[in-house]
């Protein structure tokens, strides 16, 4: 029994607690209340919520920026004749074909 928790579970009263008991008290009737172990569920859930919230905010900002850019391009192309084209062609190189059999 090296830990104070083990001593308390076994019914032993550590010396520092024994000194705090008033003289004349029946030690067999003393109840020692321990603090509950800390729960890490709250901080972990809070961290996950903050992370997911920041990701959602960044996605909304990206979507709004894309919509604003598309509307600016459409207004400029309708009024000034400026056009903007996004090329989505594949740039993969195809393997060379054999010249003859």
PDB file of N, CA and C in Angstrom:
ATOM      1  N   UNK A   1       0.830  -1.169   0.000  1.00  0.00           N
ATOM      2  CA  UNK A   1       0.000   0.000   0.000  1.00  0.00           C
ATOM      3  C   UNK A   1       0.882   1.242   0.000  1.00  0.00           C
ATOM      4  N   UNK A   2       1.215   1.708  -1.163  1.00  0.00           N
ATOM      5  CA  UNK A   2       2.076   2.874  -1.269  1.00  0.00           C
ATOM      6  C   UNK A   2       1.276   4.150  -1.498  1.00  0.00           C
ATOM      7  N   UNK A   3       0.110   4.045  -2.098  1.00  0.00           N
ATOM      8  CA  UNK A   3      -0.669   5.230  -2.410  1.00  0.00           C
ATOM      9  C   UNK A   3      -1.664   5.533  -1.293  1.00  0.00           C
ATOM     10  N   UNK A   4      -1.954   6.819  -1.054  1.00  0.00           N
ATOM     11  CA  UNK A   4      -2.942   7.163  -0.025  1.00  0.00           C
ATOM     12  C   UNK A   4      -4.322   6.583  -0.315  1.00  0.00           C
ATOM     13  N   UNK A   5      -4.668   6.458  -1.614  1.00  0.00           N
ATOM     14  CA  UNK A   5      -5.974   5.895  -1.961  1.00  0.00           C
ATOM     15  C   UNK A   5      -6.073   4.440  -1.495  1.00  0.00           C
ATOM     16  N   UNK A   6      -4.982   3.710  -1.649  1.00  0.00           N
ATOM     17  CA  UNK A   6      -4.972   2.312  -1.195  1.00  0.00           C
ATOM     18  C   UNK A   6      -5.124   2.235   0.323  1.00  0.00           C
ATOM     19  N   UNK A   7      -4.475   3.129   1.027  1.00  0.00           N
ATOM     20  CA  UNK A   7      -4.578   3.143   2.488  1.00  0.00           C
ATOM     21  C   UNK A   7      -6.006   3.448   2.933  1.00  0.00           C
ATOM     22  N   UNK A   8      -6.639   4.420   2.269  1.00  0.00           N
ATOM     23  CA  UNK A   8      -8.010   4.771   2.650  1.00  0.00           C
ATOM     24  C   UNK A   8      -8.984   3.640   2.344  1.00  0.00           C
ATOM     25  N   UNK A   9      -8.781   2.938   1.213  1.00  0.00           N
ATOM     26  CA  UNK A   9      -9.655   1.819   0.872  1.00  0.00           C
ATOM     27  C   UNK A   9      -9.509   0.677   1.873  1.00  0.00           C
ATOM     28  N   UNK A  10      -8.307   0.510   2.395  1.00  0.00           N
ATOM     29  CA  UNK A  10      -8.073  -0.564   3.360  1.00  0.00           C
ATOM     30  C   UNK A  10      -8.513  -0.172   4.776  1.00  0.00           C
ATOM     31  N   UNK A  11      -8.933   1.072   4.975  1.00  0.00           N
ATOM     32  CA  UNK A  11      -9.400   1.497   6.283  1.00  0.00           C
ATOM     33  C   UNK A  11      -8.332   2.146   7.134  1.00  0.00           C
ATOM     34  N   UNK A  12      -7.132   2.334   6.604  1.00  0.00           N
ATOM     35  CA  UNK A  12      -6.068   2.979   7.362  1.00  0.00           C
ATOM     36  C   UNK A  12      -6.200   4.488   7.237  1.00  0.00           C
ATOM     37  N   UNK A  13      -5.893   5.173   8.290  1.00  0.00           N
ATOM     38  CA  UNK A  13      -5.931   6.634   8.280  1.00  0.00           C
ATOM     39  C   UNK A  13      -4.493   7.130   8.223  1.00  0.00           C
ATOM     40  N   UNK A  14      -4.124   7.866   7.174  1.00  0.00           N
ATOM     41  CA  UNK A  14      -2.765   8.398   7.085  1.00  0.00           C
ATOM     42  C   UNK A  14      -2.470   9.352   8.245  1.00  0.00           C
ATOM     43  N   UNK A  15      -1.199   9.517   8.543  1.00  0.00           N
ATOM     44  CA  UNK A  15      -0.770  10.294   9.708  1.00  0.00           C
ATOM     45  C   UNK A  15      -1.210  11.748   9.616  1.00  0.00           C
ATOM     46  N   UNK A  16      -1.151  12.346   8.415  1.00  0.00           N
ATOM     47  CA  UNK A  16      -1.543  13.755   8.306  1.00  0.00           C
ATOM     48  C   UNK A  16      -3.033  13.947   8.573  1.00  0.00           C
ATOM     49  N   UNK A  17      -3.870  12.979   8.178  1.00  0.00           N
ATOM     50  CA  UNK A  17      -5.300  13.056   8.488  1.00  0.00           C
ATOM     51  C   UNK A  17      -5.561  12.712   9.959  1.00  0.00           C
ATOM     52  N   UNK A  18      -4.758  11.824  10.504  1.00  0.00           N
ATOM     53  CA  UNK A  18      -4.950  11.410  11.891  1.00  0.00           C
ATOM     54  C   UNK A  18      -4.709  12.581  12.842  1.00  0.00           C
ATOM     55  N   UNK A  19      -3.773  13.466  12.466  1.00  0.00           N
ATOM     56  CA  UNK A  19      -3.484  14.627  13.299  1.00  0.00           C
ATOM     57  C   UNK A  19      -4.616  15.644  13.276  1.00  0.00           C
ATOM     58  N   UNK A  20      -5.441  15.639  12.227  1.00  0.00           N
ATOM     59  CA  UNK A  20      -6.526  16.609  12.098  1.00  0.00           C
ATOM     60  C   UNK A  20      -7.788  16.180  12.853  1.00  0.00           C
ATOM     61  N   UNK A  21      -7.852  14.925  13.284  1.00  0.00           N
ATOM     62  CA  UNK A  21      -9.023  14.430  14.009  1.00  0.00           C
ATOM     63  C   UNK A  21      -8.946  14.950  15.445  1.00  0.00           C
ATOM     64  N   UNK A  22     -10.042  15.523  15.948  1.00  0.00           N
ATOM     65  CA  UNK A  22     -10.014  16.054  17.319  1.00  0.00           C
ATOM     66  C   UNK A  22      -9.779  14.944  18.342  1.00  0.00           C
ATOM     67  N   UNK A  23      -9.130  15.257  19.456  1.00  0.00           N
ATOM     68  CA  UNK A  23      -8.875  14.239  20.479  1.00  0.00           C
ATOM     69  C   UNK A  23     -10.195  13.725  21.066  1.00  0.00           C
ATOM     70  N   UNK A  24     -10.224  12.442  21.365  1.00  0.00           N
ATOM     71  CA  UNK A  24     -11.395  11.822  21.949  1.00  0.00           C
ATOM     72  C   UNK A  24     -12.384  11.298  20.928  1.00  0.00           C
ATOM     73  N   UNK A  25     -12.086  11.434  19.627  1.00  0.00           N
ATOM     74  CA  UNK A  25     -12.983  10.953  18.576  1.00  0.00           C
ATOM     75  C   UNK A  25     -12.741   9.474  18.360  1.00  0.00           C
ATOM     76  N   UNK A  26     -13.833   8.720  18.206  1.00  0.00           N
ATOM     77  CA  UNK A  26     -13.711   7.293  17.910  1.00  0.00           C
ATOM     78  C   UNK A  26     -13.293   7.141  16.453  1.00  0.00           C
ATOM     79  N   UNK A  27     -12.087   6.655  16.236  1.00  0.00           N
ATOM     80  CA  UNK A  27     -11.518   6.554  14.892  1.00  0.00           C
ATOM     81  C   UNK A  27     -12.303   5.569  14.027  1.00  0.00           C
ATOM     82  N   UNK A  28     -12.970   4.610  14.643  1.00  0.00           N
ATOM     83  CA  UNK A  28     -13.745   3.632  13.866  1.00  0.00           C
ATOM     84  C   UNK A  28     -14.986   4.254  13.243  1.00  0.00           C
ATOM     85  N   UNK A  29     -15.415   5.409  13.730  1.00  0.00           N
ATOM     86  CA  UNK A  29     -16.606   6.057  13.189  1.00  0.00           C
ATOM     87  C   UNK A  29     -16.264   7.237  12.274  1.00  0.00           C
ATOM     88  N   UNK A  30     -15.020   7.443  11.992  1.00  0.00           N
ATOM     89  CA  UNK A  30     -14.594   8.539  11.121  1.00  0.00           C
ATOM     90  C   UNK A  30     -14.785   8.120   9.672  1.00  0.00           C
ATOM     91  N   UNK A  31     -15.422   8.984   8.899  1.00  0.00           N
ATOM     92  CA  UNK A  31     -15.616   8.742   7.468  1.00  0.00           C
ATOM     93  C   UNK A  31     -14.758   9.749   6.711  1.00  0.00           C
ATOM     94  N   UNK A  32     -13.910   9.248   5.837  1.00  0.00           N
ATOM     95  CA  UNK A  32     -13.044  10.105   5.040  1.00  0.00           C
ATOM     96  C   UNK A  32     -13.634  10.167   3.637  1.00  0.00           C
ATOM     97  N   UNK A  33     -13.928  11.364   3.188  1.00  0.00           N
ATOM     98  CA  UNK A  33     -14.534  11.578   1.872  1.00  0.00           C
ATOM     99  C   UNK A  33     -13.436  12.000   0.913  1.00  0.00           C
ATOM    100  N   UNK A  34     -13.353  11.263  -0.187  1.00  0.00           N
ATOM    101  CA  UNK A  34     -12.351  11.584  -1.201  1.00  0.00           C
ATOM    102  C   UNK A  34     -12.994  12.365  -2.329  1.00  0.00           C
ATOM    103  N   UNK A  35     -12.188  13.194  -2.964  1.00  0.00           N
ATOM    104  CA  UNK A  35     -12.646  13.930  -4.131  1.00  0.00           C
ATOM    105  C   UNK A  35     -12.740  12.967  -5.306  1.00  0.00           C
ATOM    106  N   UNK A  36     -13.790  13.118  -6.106  1.00  0.00           N
ATOM    107  CA  UNK A  36     -13.981  12.247  -7.267  1.00  0.00           C
ATOM    108  C   UNK A  36     -12.871  12.508  -8.281  1.00  0.00           C
ATOM    109  N   UNK A  37     -12.449  11.469  -9.011  1.00  0.00           N
ATOM    110  CA  UNK A  37     -11.418  11.687 -10.030  1.00  0.00           C
ATOM    111  C   UNK A  37     -11.936  12.613 -11.121  1.00  0.00           C
ATOM    112  N   UNK A  38     -11.033  13.344 -11.699  1.00  0.00           N
ATOM    113  CA  UNK A  38     -11.401  14.325 -12.713  1.00  0.00           C
ATOM    114  C   UNK A  38     -11.887  13.624 -13.975  1.00  0.00           C
ATOM    115  N   UNK A  39     -12.950  14.160 -14.551  1.00  0.00           N
ATOM    116  CA  UNK A  39     -13.497  13.634 -15.788  1.00  0.00           C
ATOM    117  C   UNK A  39     -12.954  14.469 -16.942  1.00  0.00           C
ATOM    118  N   UNK A  40     -12.423  13.820 -17.953  1.00  0.00           N
ATOM    119  CA  UNK A  40     -11.872  14.517 -19.112  1.00  0.00           C
ATOM    120  C   UNK A  40     -12.846  14.570 -20.271  1.00  0.00           C
ATOM    121  N   UNK A  41     -14.079  14.120 -20.070  1.00  0.00           N
ATOM    122  CA  UNK A  41     -15.058  14.105 -21.153  1.00  0.00           C
ATOM    123  C   UNK A  41     -15.394  15.525 -21.599  1.00  0.00           C
ATOM    124  N   UNK A  42     -15.638  16.415 -20.653  1.00  0.00           N
ATOM    125  CA  UNK A  42     -16.004  17.793 -20.992  1.00  0.00           C
ATOM    126  C   UNK A  42     -14.953  18.523 -21.811  1.00  0.00           C
ATOM    127  N   UNK A  43     -13.695  18.556 -21.375  1.00  0.00           N
ATOM    128  CA  UNK A  43     -12.681  19.255 -22.175  1.00  0.00           C
ATOM    129  C   UNK A  43     -12.463  18.637 -23.553  1.00  0.00           C
ATOM    130  N   UNK A  44     -12.573  17.305 -23.650  1.00  0.00           N
ATOM    131  CA  UNK A  44     -12.380  16.656 -24.953  1.00  0.00           C
ATOM    132  C   UNK A  44     -13.516  17.026 -25.894  1.00  0.00           C
ATOM    133  N   UNK A  45     -14.762  16.989 -25.390  1.00  0.00           N
ATOM    134  CA  UNK A  45     -15.910  17.346 -26.232  1.00  0.00           C
ATOM    135  C   UNK A  45     -15.826  18.821 -26.633  1.00  0.00           C
ATOM    136  N   UNK A  46     -15.418  19.671 -25.704  1.00  0.00           N
ATOM    137  CA  UNK A  46     -15.282  21.093 -26.015  1.00  0.00           C
ATOM    138  C   UNK A  46     -14.228  21.326 -27.092  1.00  0.00           C
ATOM    139  N   UNK A  47     -13.108  20.626 -27.015  1.00  0.00           N
ATOM    140  CA  UNK A  47     -12.062  20.752 -28.032  1.00  0.00           C
ATOM    141  C   UNK A  47     -12.563  20.300 -29.402  1.00  0.00           C
ATOM    142  N   UNK A  48     -13.290  19.180 -29.435  1.00  0.00           N
ATOM    143  CA  UNK A  48     -13.835  18.694 -30.707  1.00  0.00           C
ATOM    144  C   UNK A  48     -14.853  19.677 -31.281  1.00  0.00           C
ATOM    145  N   UNK A  49     -15.699  20.249 -30.440  1.00  0.00           N
ATOM    146  CA  UNK A  49     -16.685  21.206 -30.927  1.00  0.00           C
ATOM    147  C   UNK A  49     -16.021  22.472 -31.472  1.00  0.00           C
ATOM    148  N   UNK A  50     -14.987  22.942 -30.800  1.00  0.00           N
ATOM    149  CA  UNK A  50     -14.278  24.131 -31.288  1.00  0.00           C
ATOM    150  C   UNK A  50     -13.613  23.839 -32.619  1.00  0.00           C
ATOM    151  N   UNK A  51     -13.000  22.664 -32.733  1.00  0.00           N
ATOM    152  CA  UNK A  51     -12.329  22.296 -33.985  1.00  0.00           C
ATOM    153  C   UNK A  51     -13.325  22.173 -35.123  1.00  0.00           C
ATOM    154  N   UNK A  52     -14.427  21.457 -34.879  1.00  0.00           N
ATOM    155  CA  UNK A  52     -15.429  21.289 -35.937  1.00  0.00           C
ATOM    156  C   UNK A  52     -16.090  22.622 -36.287  1.00  0.00           C
ATOM    157  N   UNK A  53     -16.304  23.473 -35.289  1.00  0.00           N
ATOM    158  CA  UNK A  53     -16.887  24.783 -35.560  1.00  0.00           C
ATOM    159  C   UNK A  53     -15.982  25.645 -36.421  1.00  0.00           C
ATOM    160  N   UNK A  54     -14.688  25.619 -36.145  1.00  0.00           N
ATOM    161  CA  UNK A  54     -13.756  26.416 -36.956  1.00  0.00           C
ATOM    162  C   UNK A  54     -13.667  25.882 -38.379  1.00  0.00           C
ATOM    163  N   UNK A  55     -13.742  24.567 -38.555  1.00  0.00           N
ATOM    164  CA  UNK A  55     -13.738  23.990 -39.908  1.00  0.00           C
ATOM    165  C   UNK A  55     -14.990  24.419 -40.666  1.00  0.00           C
ATOM    166  N   UNK A  56     -16.133  24.387 -39.997  1.00  0.00           N
ATOM    167  CA  UNK A  56     -17.380  24.805 -40.643  1.00  0.00           C
ATOM    168  C   UNK A  56     -17.312  26.281 -41.023  1.00  0.00           C
ATOM    169  N   UNK A  57     -16.778  27.119 -40.140  1.00  0.00           N
ATOM    170  CA  UNK A  57     -16.663  28.546 -40.445  1.00  0.00           C
ATOM    171  C   UNK A  57     -15.748  28.759 -41.649  1.00  0.00           C
ATOM    172  N   UNK A  58     -14.649  28.033 -41.721  1.00  0.00           N
ATOM    173  CA  UNK A  58     -13.743  28.169 -42.876  1.00  0.00           C
ATOM    174  C   UNK A  58     -14.409  27.708 -44.166  1.00  0.00           C
ATOM    175  N   UNK A  59     -15.187  26.639 -44.103  1.00  0.00           N
ATOM    176  CA  UNK A  59     -15.899  26.175 -45.301  1.00  0.00           C
ATOM    177  C   UNK A  59     -16.944  27.192 -45.757  1.00  0.00           C
ATOM    178  N   UNK A  60     -17.652  27.793 -44.825  1.00  0.00           N
ATOM    179  CA  UNK A  60     -18.639  28.816 -45.187  1.00  0.00           C
ATOM    180  C   UNK A  60     -17.954  30.023 -45.800  1.00  0.00           C
ATOM    181  N   UNK A  61     -16.826  30.431 -45.226  1.00  0.00           N
ATOM    182  CA  UNK A  61     -16.083  31.566 -45.795  1.00  0.00           C
ATOM    183  C   UNK A  61     -15.613  31.244 -47.209  1.00  0.00           C
ATOM    184  N   UNK A  62     -15.117  30.027 -47.431  1.00  0.00           N
ATOM    185  CA  UNK A  62     -14.671  29.639 -48.777  1.00  0.00           C
ATOM    186  C   UNK A  62     -15.837  29.626 -49.756  1.00  0.00           C
ATOM    187  N   UNK A  63     -16.990  29.115 -49.318  1.00  0.00           N
ATOM    188  CA  UNK A  63     -18.158  29.077 -50.203  1.00  0.00           C
ATOM    189  C   UNK A  63     -18.633  30.485 -50.542  1.00  0.00           C
ATOM    190  N   UNK A  64     -18.666  31.372 -49.560  1.00  0.00           N
ATOM    191  CA  UNK A  64     -19.097  32.752 -49.807  1.00  0.00           C
ATOM    192  C   UNK A  64     -18.102  33.460 -50.718  1.00  0.00           C
ATOM    193  N   UNK A  65     -16.815  33.238 -50.510  1.00  0.00           N
ATOM    194  CA  UNK A  65     -15.802  33.857 -51.374  1.00  0.00           C
ATOM    195  C   UNK A  65     -15.946  33.367 -52.806  1.00  0.00           C
ATOM    196  N   UNK A  66     -16.251  32.083 -52.988  1.00  0.00           N
ATOM    197  CA  UNK A  66     -16.445  31.552 -54.338  1.00  0.00           C
ATOM    198  C   UNK A  66     -17.685  32.162 -54.973  1.00  0.00           C
ATOM    199  N   UNK A  67     -18.759  32.294 -54.226  1.00  0.00           N
ATOM    200  CA  UNK A  67     -19.986  32.884 -54.770  1.00  0.00           C
ATOM    201  C   UNK A  67     -19.775  34.348 -55.129  1.00  0.00           C
ATOM    202  N   UNK A  68     -19.057  35.091 -54.272  1.00  0.00           N
ATOM    203  CA  UNK A  68     -18.783  36.499 -54.558  1.00  0.00           C
ATOM    204  C   UNK A  68     -17.911  36.621 -55.797  1.00  0.00           C
ATOM    205  N   UNK A  69     -16.895  35.780 -55.917  1.00  0.00           N
ATOM    206  CA  UNK A  69     -16.018  35.840 -57.096  1.00  0.00           C
ATOM    207  C   UNK A  69     -16.793  35.498 -58.368  1.00  0.00           C
ATOM    208  N   UNK A  70     -17.672  34.502 -58.293  1.00  0.00           N
ATOM    209  CA  UNK A  70     -18.455  34.135 -59.473  1.00  0.00           C
ATOM    210  C   UNK A  70     -19.407  35.260 -59.860  1.00  0.00           C
ATOM    211  N   UNK A  71     -20.004  35.908 -58.871  1.00  0.00           N
ATOM    212  CA  UNK A  71     -20.916  37.003 -59.207  1.00  0.00           C
ATOM    213  C   UNK A  71     -20.160  38.203 -59.771  1.00  0.00           C
ATOM    214  N   UNK A  72     -18.967  38.473 -59.254  1.00  0.00           N
ATOM    215  CA  UNK A  72     -18.161  39.581 -59.793  1.00  0.00           C
ATOM    216  C   UNK A  72     -17.773  39.295 -61.235  1.00  0.00           C
ATOM    217  N   UNK A  73     -17.368  38.062 -61.517  1.00  0.00           N
ATOM    218  CA  UNK A  73     -16.991  37.697 -62.890  1.00  0.00           C
ATOM    219  C   UNK A  73     -18.193  37.793 -63.818  1.00  0.00           C
ATOM    220  N   UNK A  74     -19.364  37.345 -63.343  1.00  0.00           N
ATOM    221  CA  UNK A  74     -20.542  37.406 -64.213  1.00  0.00           C
ATOM    222  C   UNK A  74     -20.969  38.851 -64.465  1.00  0.00           C
ATOM    223  N   UNK A  75     -20.871  39.724 -63.469  1.00  0.00           N
ATOM    224  CA  UNK A  75     -21.214  41.129 -63.663  1.00  0.00           C
ATOM    225  C   UNK A  75     -20.218  41.787 -64.601  1.00  0.00           C
ATOM    226  N   UNK A  76     -18.932  41.502 -64.404  1.00  0.00           N
ATOM    227  CA  UNK A  76     -17.919  42.101 -65.288  1.00  0.00           C
ATOM    228  C   UNK A  76     -18.041  41.595 -66.715  1.00  0.00           C
ATOM    229  N   UNK A  77     -18.364  40.332 -66.893  1.00  0.00           N
ATOM    230  CA  UNK A  77     -18.489  39.809 -68.248  1.00  0.00           C
ATOM    231  C   UNK A  77     -19.735  40.356 -68.927  1.00  0.00           C
ATOM    232  N   UNK A  78     -20.781  40.632 -68.175  1.00  0.00           N
ATOM    233  CA  UNK A  78     -22.000  41.178 -68.773  1.00  0.00           C
ATOM    234  C   UNK A  78     -21.843  42.658 -69.090  1.00  0.00           C
ATOM    235  N   UNK A  79     -21.109  43.397 -68.302  1.00  0.00           N
ATOM    236  CA  UNK A  79     -21.001  44.841 -68.513  1.00  0.00           C
ATOM    237  C   UNK A  79     -19.778  45.240 -69.324  1.00  0.00           C
ATOM    238  N   UNK A  80     -18.661  44.625 -69.099  1.00  0.00           N
ATOM    239  CA  UNK A  80     -17.422  45.065 -69.733  1.00  0.00           C
ATOM    240  C   UNK A  80     -16.950  44.125 -70.840  1.00  0.00           C
ATOM    241  N   UNK A  81     -17.548  42.992 -70.954  1.00  0.00           N
ATOM    242  CA  UNK A  81     -17.109  42.041 -71.950  1.00  0.00           C
ATOM    243  C   UNK A  81     -15.914  41.222 -71.502  1.00  0.00           C
ATOM    244  N   UNK A  82     -15.612  41.218 -70.244  1.00  0.00           N
ATOM    245  CA  UNK A  82     -14.494  40.438 -69.703  1.00  0.00           C
ATOM    246  C   UNK A  82     -14.990  39.029 -69.424  1.00  0.00           C
ATOM    247  N   UNK A  83     -14.196  38.052 -69.809  1.00  0.00           N
ATOM    248  CA  UNK A  83     -14.601  36.671 -69.543  1.00  0.00           C
ATOM    249  C   UNK A  83     -13.492  35.956 -68.791  1.00  0.00           C
ATOM    250  N   UNK A  84     -13.896  34.947 -68.080  1.00  0.00           N
ATOM    251  CA  UNK A  84     -12.956  34.151 -67.290  1.00  0.00           C
ATOM    252  C   UNK A  84     -13.320  32.695 -67.490  1.00  0.00           C
ATOM    253  N   UNK A  85     -12.352  31.881 -67.877  1.00  0.00           N
ATOM    254  CA  UNK A  85     -12.610  30.475 -68.162  1.00  0.00           C
ATOM    255  C   UNK A  85     -11.725  29.610 -67.286  1.00  0.00           C
ATOM    256  N   UNK A  86     -12.323  28.588 -66.722  1.00  0.00           N
ATOM    257  CA  UNK A  86     -11.560  27.616 -65.943  1.00  0.00           C
ATOM    258  C   UNK A  86     -11.396  26.379 -66.803  1.00  0.00           C
ATOM    259  N   UNK A  87     -10.159  26.024 -67.050  1.00  0.00           N
ATOM    260  CA  UNK A  87      -9.872  24.853 -67.882  1.00  0.00           C
ATOM    261  C   UNK A  87      -9.718  23.641 -66.974  1.00  0.00           C
ATOM    262  N   UNK A  88     -10.522  22.625 -67.224  1.00  0.00           N
ATOM    263  CA  UNK A  88     -10.464  21.422 -66.398  1.00  0.00           C
ATOM    264  C   UNK A  88      -9.967  20.228 -67.207  1.00  0.00           C
ATOM    265  N   UNK A  89      -9.116  20.453 -68.155  1.00  0.00           N
ATOM    266  CA  UNK A  89      -8.603  19.351 -68.963  1.00  0.00           C
ATOM    267  C   UNK A  89      -7.601  18.549 -68.151  1.00  0.00           C
ATOM    268  N   UNK A  90      -7.525  17.297 -68.481  1.00  0.00           N
ATOM    269  CA  UNK A  90      -6.602  16.415 -67.777  1.00  0.00           C
ATOM    270  C   UNK A  90      -5.203  16.628 -68.325  1.00  0.00           C
ATOM    271  N   UNK A  91      -4.241  16.736 -67.437  1.00  0.00           N
ATOM    272  CA  UNK A  91      -2.859  16.948 -67.853  1.00  0.00           C
ATOM    273  C   UNK A  91      -2.010  15.699 -67.639  1.00  0.00           C
ATOM    274  N   UNK A  92      -2.661  14.565 -67.553  1.00  0.00           N
ATOM    275  CA  UNK A  92      -1.909  13.327 -67.366  1.00  0.00           C
ATOM    276  C   UNK A  92      -1.259  12.915 -68.684  1.00  0.00           C
ATOM    277  N   UNK A  93      -0.063  12.438 -68.564  1.00  0.00           N
ATOM    278  CA  UNK A  93       0.635  11.959 -69.755  1.00  0.00           C
ATOM    279  C   UNK A  93       0.247  10.508 -70.001  1.00  0.00           C
ATOM    280  N   UNK A  94      -0.081  10.244 -71.242  1.00  0.00           N
ATOM    281  CA  UNK A  94      -0.426   8.873 -71.593  1.00  0.00           C
ATOM    282  C   UNK A  94       0.854   8.122 -71.962  1.00  0.00           C
ATOM    283  N   UNK A  95       0.913   6.854 -71.625  1.00  0.00           N
ATOM    284  CA  UNK A  95       2.118   6.101 -71.989  1.00  0.00           C
ATOM    285  C   UNK A  95       2.238   6.003 -73.517  1.00  0.00           C
ATOM    286  N   UNK A  96       3.461   6.055 -74.011  1.00  0.00           N
ATOM    287  CA  UNK A  96       3.648   5.983 -75.477  1.00  0.00           C
ATOM    288  C   UNK A  96       3.201   4.607 -75.994  1.00  0.00           C
ATOM    289  N   UNK A  97       2.585   4.651 -77.164  1.00  0.00           N
ATOM    290  CA  UNK A  97       2.109   3.398 -77.785  1.00  0.00           C
ATOM    291  C   UNK A  97       3.242   2.760 -78.559  1.00  0.00           C
ATOM    292  N   UNK A  98       3.168   1.477 -78.640  1.00  0.00           N
ATOM    293  CA  UNK A  98       4.199   0.752 -79.404  1.00  0.00           C
ATOM    294  C   UNK A  98       3.998   1.082 -80.886  1.00  0.00           C
ATOM    295  N   UNK A  99       5.120   1.293 -81.598  1.00  0.00           N
ATOM    296  CA  UNK A  99       5.059   1.687 -83.014  1.00  0.00           C
ATOM    297  C   UNK A  99       4.707   0.523 -83.924  1.00  0.00           C
ATOM    298  N   UNK A 100       5.147  -0.622 -83.607  1.00  0.00           N
ATOM    299  CA  UNK A 100       4.862  -1.749 -84.495  1.00  0.00           C
ATOM    300  C   UNK A 100       4.868  -3.055 -83.750  1.00  0.00           C
ATOM    301  N   UNK A 101       4.278  -4.048 -84.391  1.00  0.00           N
ATOM    302  CA  UNK A 101       4.243  -5.361 -83.759  1.00  0.00           C
ATOM    303  C   UNK A 101       5.284  -6.258 -84.323  1.00  0.00           C
TER     304      UNK A 101
END
